Amino acid sequence: MDNGVIPQTMAEVNDQVAMLKGRGHEMPVEEVIRETIKRGLQEMFDEKLDGNYYSIQWTADNFDVFSLGHEFEGSIVPNGESFVADFIANAATTWDYLDDQAQKLVGR
């Protein structure tokens, strides 16, 4: 799925789905959104911590955040029904929410 770009909007997600389909990889929009959000959230933590010191894992529809020593740092839950539904409704608000939640866990 990786073309090096993390989609920021639904239009970019749809472009990603079309690109994958063109390469023979069928992937549902919801899966692309989940992967997009996970990659984007990981990038947020990496930037805030100046490196890859926290890892992000899906747990049901939440993200659990772990430190380098595999210590649980906290969870990020969707602002609405689910991260996918939130992203579809308003991608920019979802990114802002995730950034705020990451900031709270980092404590900077």
N, C-alpha and C. Protein backbone atom coordinates (compact mmCIF):
# COMPACT_ATOMS: atom_id res chain seq x y z
N MET A 1 0.81 -1.19 0.00
CA MET A 1 0.00 0.00 0.00
C MET A 1 0.85 1.25 0.00
N ASP A 2 2.07 1.15 0.41
CA ASP A 2 2.88 2.32 0.67
C ASP A 2 3.46 2.91 -0.61
N ASN A 3 3.05 4.14 -0.90
CA ASN A 3 3.70 4.89 -1.97
C ASN A 3 4.49 6.04 -1.35
N GLY A 4 4.69 5.97 -0.02
CA GLY A 4 5.47 6.98 0.69
C GLY A 4 4.66 8.17 1.16
N VAL A 5 3.39 8.24 0.78
CA VAL A 5 2.56 9.38 1.13
C VAL A 5 1.42 8.92 2.03
N ILE A 6 1.21 9.65 3.13
CA ILE A 6 0.09 9.37 4.01
C ILE A 6 -1.07 10.26 3.57
N PRO A 7 -2.15 9.67 3.09
CA PRO A 7 -3.29 10.48 2.66
C PRO A 7 -3.82 11.34 3.81
N GLN A 8 -4.15 12.58 3.50
CA GLN A 8 -4.65 13.50 4.52
C GLN A 8 -6.15 13.75 4.41
N THR A 9 -6.73 13.39 3.27
CA THR A 9 -8.15 13.66 3.01
C THR A 9 -8.80 12.41 2.42
N MET A 10 -10.13 12.43 2.36
CA MET A 10 -10.84 11.31 1.73
C MET A 10 -10.52 11.24 0.24
N ALA A 11 -10.34 12.38 -0.40
CA ALA A 11 -9.99 12.38 -1.82
C ALA A 11 -8.65 11.65 -2.02
N GLU A 12 -7.70 11.91 -1.15
CA GLU A 12 -6.39 11.24 -1.25
C GLU A 12 -6.51 9.75 -0.93
N VAL A 13 -7.38 9.39 0.01
CA VAL A 13 -7.63 7.98 0.29
C VAL A 13 -8.21 7.30 -0.94
N ASN A 14 -9.19 7.94 -1.56
CA ASN A 14 -9.80 7.37 -2.78
C ASN A 14 -8.77 7.23 -3.89
N ASP A 15 -7.87 8.19 -4.01
CA ASP A 15 -6.78 8.10 -4.99
C ASP A 15 -5.88 6.90 -4.68
N GLN A 16 -5.60 6.69 -3.40
CA GLN A 16 -4.76 5.56 -2.98
C GLN A 16 -5.45 4.23 -3.33
N VAL A 17 -6.75 4.14 -3.07
CA VAL A 17 -7.50 2.93 -3.40
C VAL A 17 -7.45 2.68 -4.91
N ALA A 18 -7.64 3.72 -5.70
CA ALA A 18 -7.59 3.59 -7.16
C ALA A 18 -6.20 3.17 -7.62
N MET A 19 -5.16 3.75 -7.03
CA MET A 19 -3.79 3.39 -7.40
C MET A 19 -3.53 1.92 -7.09
N LEU A 20 -3.96 1.47 -5.91
CA LEU A 20 -3.78 0.07 -5.54
C LEU A 20 -4.52 -0.86 -6.49
N LYS A 21 -5.75 -0.47 -6.81
CA LYS A 21 -6.55 -1.28 -7.74
C LYS A 21 -5.85 -1.36 -9.09
N GLY A 22 -5.28 -0.26 -9.52
CA GLY A 22 -4.56 -0.24 -10.79
C GLY A 22 -3.34 -1.14 -10.78
N ARG A 23 -2.80 -1.39 -9.60
CA ARG A 23 -1.64 -2.29 -9.47
C ARG A 23 -2.06 -3.72 -9.15
N GLY A 24 -3.39 -3.96 -9.17
CA GLY A 24 -3.89 -5.31 -8.94
C GLY A 24 -4.11 -5.67 -7.48
N HIS A 25 -4.14 -4.69 -6.61
CA HIS A 25 -4.36 -4.93 -5.17
C HIS A 25 -5.70 -4.33 -4.77
N GLU A 26 -6.67 -5.19 -4.55
CA GLU A 26 -7.98 -4.72 -4.09
C GLU A 26 -7.90 -4.51 -2.58
N MET A 27 -8.21 -3.31 -2.12
CA MET A 27 -8.21 -3.02 -0.69
C MET A 27 -9.40 -2.13 -0.40
N PRO A 28 -10.24 -2.52 0.57
CA PRO A 28 -11.41 -1.69 0.90
C PRO A 28 -10.98 -0.32 1.42
N VAL A 29 -11.81 0.67 1.14
CA VAL A 29 -11.55 2.04 1.59
C VAL A 29 -11.31 2.07 3.10
N GLU A 30 -12.12 1.31 3.85
CA GLU A 30 -11.99 1.31 5.31
C GLU A 30 -10.61 0.85 5.76
N GLU A 31 -10.06 -0.15 5.07
CA GLU A 31 -8.73 -0.65 5.41
C GLU A 31 -7.66 0.39 5.10
N VAL A 32 -7.80 1.07 3.99
CA VAL A 32 -6.85 2.13 3.64
C VAL A 32 -6.92 3.24 4.69
N ILE A 33 -8.12 3.59 5.13
CA ILE A 33 -8.26 4.62 6.17
C ILE A 33 -7.60 4.17 7.46
N ARG A 34 -7.85 2.93 7.88
CA ARG A 34 -7.23 2.43 9.12
C ARG A 34 -5.70 2.50 9.05
N GLU A 35 -5.16 2.04 7.94
CA GLU A 35 -3.70 2.06 7.77
C GLU A 35 -3.18 3.50 7.71
N THR A 36 -3.93 4.36 7.05
CA THR A 36 -3.58 5.78 6.95
C THR A 36 -3.50 6.41 8.33
N ILE A 37 -4.53 6.18 9.14
CA ILE A 37 -4.57 6.78 10.48
C ILE A 37 -3.43 6.23 11.34
N LYS A 38 -3.21 4.93 11.27
CA LYS A 38 -2.13 4.34 12.08
C LYS A 38 -0.77 4.91 11.69
N ARG A 39 -0.51 4.99 10.38
CA ARG A 39 0.77 5.53 9.92
C ARG A 39 0.91 7.00 10.29
N GLY A 40 -0.17 7.76 10.14
CA GLY A 40 -0.13 9.18 10.48
C GLY A 40 0.08 9.41 11.96
N LEU A 41 -0.59 8.62 12.78
CA LEU A 41 -0.42 8.75 14.23
C LEU A 41 1.00 8.37 14.65
N GLN A 42 1.53 7.31 14.06
CA GLN A 42 2.91 6.92 14.37
C GLN A 42 3.87 8.05 14.00
N GLU A 43 3.63 8.66 12.85
CA GLU A 43 4.48 9.78 12.41
C GLU A 43 4.39 10.96 13.39
N MET A 44 3.20 11.22 13.90
CA MET A 44 3.04 12.30 14.88
C MET A 44 3.89 12.05 16.12
N PHE A 45 3.83 10.82 16.64
CA PHE A 45 4.64 10.50 17.80
C PHE A 45 6.12 10.60 17.50
N ASP A 46 6.54 10.09 16.35
CA ASP A 46 7.95 10.14 15.96
C ASP A 46 8.45 11.58 15.89
N GLU A 47 7.63 12.47 15.35
CA GLU A 47 8.02 13.88 15.27
C GLU A 47 8.08 14.53 16.64
N LYS A 48 7.10 14.25 17.48
CA LYS A 48 7.05 14.87 18.81
C LYS A 48 8.19 14.39 19.70
N LEU A 49 8.63 13.15 19.48
CA LEU A 49 9.68 12.57 20.32
C LEU A 49 11.04 12.56 19.64
N ASP A 50 11.14 13.16 18.46
CA ASP A 50 12.39 13.18 17.70
C ASP A 50 12.95 11.79 17.49
N GLY A 51 12.08 10.85 17.18
CA GLY A 51 12.50 9.49 16.91
C GLY A 51 11.39 8.51 17.20
N ASN A 52 11.65 7.25 16.90
CA ASN A 52 10.65 6.21 17.05
C ASN A 52 10.75 5.58 18.44
N TYR A 53 10.23 6.30 19.45
CA TYR A 53 10.29 5.84 20.83
C TYR A 53 8.98 5.26 21.32
N TYR A 54 7.89 5.54 20.63
CA TYR A 54 6.58 4.98 20.98
C TYR A 54 6.09 4.18 19.79
N SER A 55 5.37 3.10 20.06
CA SER A 55 4.75 2.33 18.98
C SER A 55 3.24 2.33 19.18
N ILE A 56 2.54 2.25 18.08
CA ILE A 56 1.09 2.32 18.06
C ILE A 56 0.54 0.95 17.67
N GLN A 57 -0.46 0.47 18.41
CA GLN A 57 -1.10 -0.79 18.07
C GLN A 57 -2.62 -0.62 18.11
N TRP A 58 -3.29 -1.20 17.10
CA TRP A 58 -4.76 -1.22 17.11
C TRP A 58 -5.22 -2.20 18.17
N THR A 59 -6.20 -1.81 18.95
CA THR A 59 -6.87 -2.69 19.90
C THR A 59 -8.35 -2.41 19.73
N ALA A 60 -9.08 -3.33 19.12
CA ALA A 60 -10.48 -3.09 18.75
C ALA A 60 -10.50 -1.83 17.86
N ASP A 61 -11.12 -0.75 18.30
CA ASP A 61 -11.10 0.48 17.51
C ASP A 61 -10.34 1.58 18.25
N ASN A 62 -9.46 1.19 19.15
CA ASN A 62 -8.62 2.14 19.87
C ASN A 62 -7.18 1.96 19.44
N PHE A 63 -6.37 2.94 19.78
CA PHE A 63 -4.93 2.79 19.62
C PHE A 63 -4.32 2.69 21.00
N ASP A 64 -3.53 1.67 21.22
CA ASP A 64 -2.74 1.59 22.43
C ASP A 64 -1.34 2.05 22.09
N VAL A 65 -0.74 2.81 23.00
CA VAL A 65 0.56 3.42 22.79
C VAL A 65 1.54 2.81 23.78
N PHE A 66 2.67 2.34 23.27
CA PHE A 66 3.69 1.71 24.09
C PHE A 66 5.02 2.41 23.91
N SER A 67 5.78 2.49 25.00
CA SER A 67 7.10 3.10 24.94
C SER A 67 8.10 2.11 24.36
N LEU A 68 9.32 2.56 24.20
CA LEU A 68 10.39 1.75 23.65
C LEU A 68 10.60 0.46 24.45
N GLY A 69 10.40 0.52 25.76
CA GLY A 69 10.54 -0.65 26.61
C GLY A 69 9.26 -1.46 26.71
N HIS A 70 8.34 -1.26 25.81
CA HIS A 70 7.05 -1.96 25.74
C HIS A 70 6.16 -1.67 26.94
N GLU A 71 6.38 -0.51 27.58
CA GLU A 71 5.49 -0.10 28.66
C GLU A 71 4.28 0.58 28.07
N PHE A 72 3.12 0.24 28.60
CA PHE A 72 1.87 0.85 28.15
C PHE A 72 1.86 2.31 28.58
N GLU A 73 1.67 3.22 27.63
CA GLU A 73 1.65 4.65 27.92
C GLU A 73 0.23 5.22 27.94
N GLY A 74 -0.69 4.57 27.25
CA GLY A 74 -2.06 5.04 27.23
C GLY A 74 -2.78 4.59 25.98
N SER A 75 -4.07 4.93 25.93
CA SER A 75 -4.91 4.61 24.77
C SER A 75 -5.47 5.88 24.17
N ILE A 76 -5.70 5.82 22.89
CA ILE A 76 -6.41 6.89 22.20
C ILE A 76 -7.68 6.26 21.64
N VAL A 77 -8.81 6.81 22.05
CA VAL A 77 -10.10 6.31 21.61
C VAL A 77 -10.68 7.26 20.57
N PRO A 78 -11.55 6.77 19.71
CA PRO A 78 -12.14 7.65 18.70
C PRO A 78 -12.94 8.78 19.34
N ASN A 79 -13.00 9.87 18.65
CA ASN A 79 -13.79 11.02 19.09
C ASN A 79 -15.28 10.74 18.90
N GLY A 80 -15.61 9.92 17.90
CA GLY A 80 -16.99 9.56 17.59
C GLY A 80 -17.15 8.05 17.65
N GLU A 81 -17.93 7.54 16.70
CA GLU A 81 -18.24 6.11 16.65
C GLU A 81 -17.00 5.24 16.42
N SER A 82 -16.15 5.67 15.49
CA SER A 82 -14.92 4.94 15.17
C SER A 82 -13.98 5.90 14.46
N PHE A 83 -12.70 5.54 14.42
CA PHE A 83 -11.74 6.37 13.71
C PHE A 83 -12.07 6.45 12.22
N VAL A 84 -12.52 5.33 11.66
CA VAL A 84 -12.86 5.32 10.24
C VAL A 84 -14.04 6.26 9.98
N ALA A 85 -15.09 6.15 10.79
CA ALA A 85 -16.26 7.03 10.62
C ALA A 85 -15.88 8.49 10.83
N ASP A 86 -15.03 8.75 11.83
CA ASP A 86 -14.57 10.12 12.08
C ASP A 86 -13.83 10.67 10.87
N PHE A 87 -12.93 9.85 10.28
CA PHE A 87 -12.14 10.29 9.13
C PHE A 87 -13.03 10.57 7.93
N ILE A 88 -14.00 9.69 7.70
CA ILE A 88 -14.91 9.88 6.57
C ILE A 88 -15.71 11.16 6.75
N ALA A 89 -16.17 11.42 7.98
CA ALA A 89 -16.98 12.61 8.26
C ALA A 89 -16.17 13.89 8.13
N ASN A 90 -14.91 13.87 8.64
CA ASN A 90 -14.08 15.08 8.60
C ASN A 90 -12.64 14.70 8.90
N ALA A 91 -11.87 14.50 7.85
CA ALA A 91 -10.47 14.06 8.00
C ALA A 91 -9.64 15.09 8.77
N ALA A 92 -9.81 16.37 8.48
CA ALA A 92 -9.00 17.40 9.14
C ALA A 92 -9.25 17.41 10.65
N THR A 93 -10.49 17.29 11.05
CA THR A 93 -10.81 17.26 12.48
C THR A 93 -10.23 16.01 13.13
N THR A 94 -10.26 14.90 12.41
CA THR A 94 -9.68 13.66 12.94
C THR A 94 -8.18 13.81 13.15
N TRP A 95 -7.48 14.39 12.20
CA TRP A 95 -6.03 14.61 12.36
C TRP A 95 -5.74 15.54 13.54
N ASP A 96 -6.53 16.59 13.66
CA ASP A 96 -6.35 17.53 14.79
C ASP A 96 -6.57 16.82 16.13
N TYR A 97 -7.61 16.01 16.20
CA TYR A 97 -7.91 15.26 17.42
C TYR A 97 -6.76 14.31 17.76
N LEU A 98 -6.28 13.58 16.77
CA LEU A 98 -5.17 12.64 17.01
C LEU A 98 -3.92 13.37 17.47
N ASP A 99 -3.64 14.52 16.86
CA ASP A 99 -2.49 15.30 17.26
C ASP A 99 -2.62 15.77 18.72
N ASP A 100 -3.80 16.22 19.10
CA ASP A 100 -4.04 16.63 20.49
C ASP A 100 -3.85 15.46 21.46
N GLN A 101 -4.37 14.30 21.09
CA GLN A 101 -4.24 13.13 21.96
C GLN A 101 -2.78 12.67 22.06
N ALA A 102 -2.07 12.70 20.96
CA ALA A 102 -0.65 12.35 20.99
C ALA A 102 0.13 13.31 21.88
N GLN A 103 -0.20 14.58 21.76
CA GLN A 103 0.47 15.61 22.58
C GLN A 103 0.25 15.35 24.07
N LYS A 104 -0.96 14.96 24.43
CA LYS A 104 -1.27 14.67 25.83
C LYS A 104 -0.45 13.49 26.35
N LEU A 105 -0.30 12.46 25.52
CA LEU A 105 0.47 11.29 25.95
C LEU A 105 1.97 11.59 26.03
N VAL A 106 2.44 12.41 25.13
CA VAL A 106 3.86 12.76 25.14
C VAL A 106 4.17 13.72 26.29
N GLY A 107 3.22 14.59 26.57
CA GLY A 107 3.40 15.53 27.67
C GLY A 107 4.30 16.70 27.35
N ARG A 108 4.37 17.06 26.08
CA ARG A 108 5.19 18.20 25.67
C ARG A 108 4.33 19.36 25.27
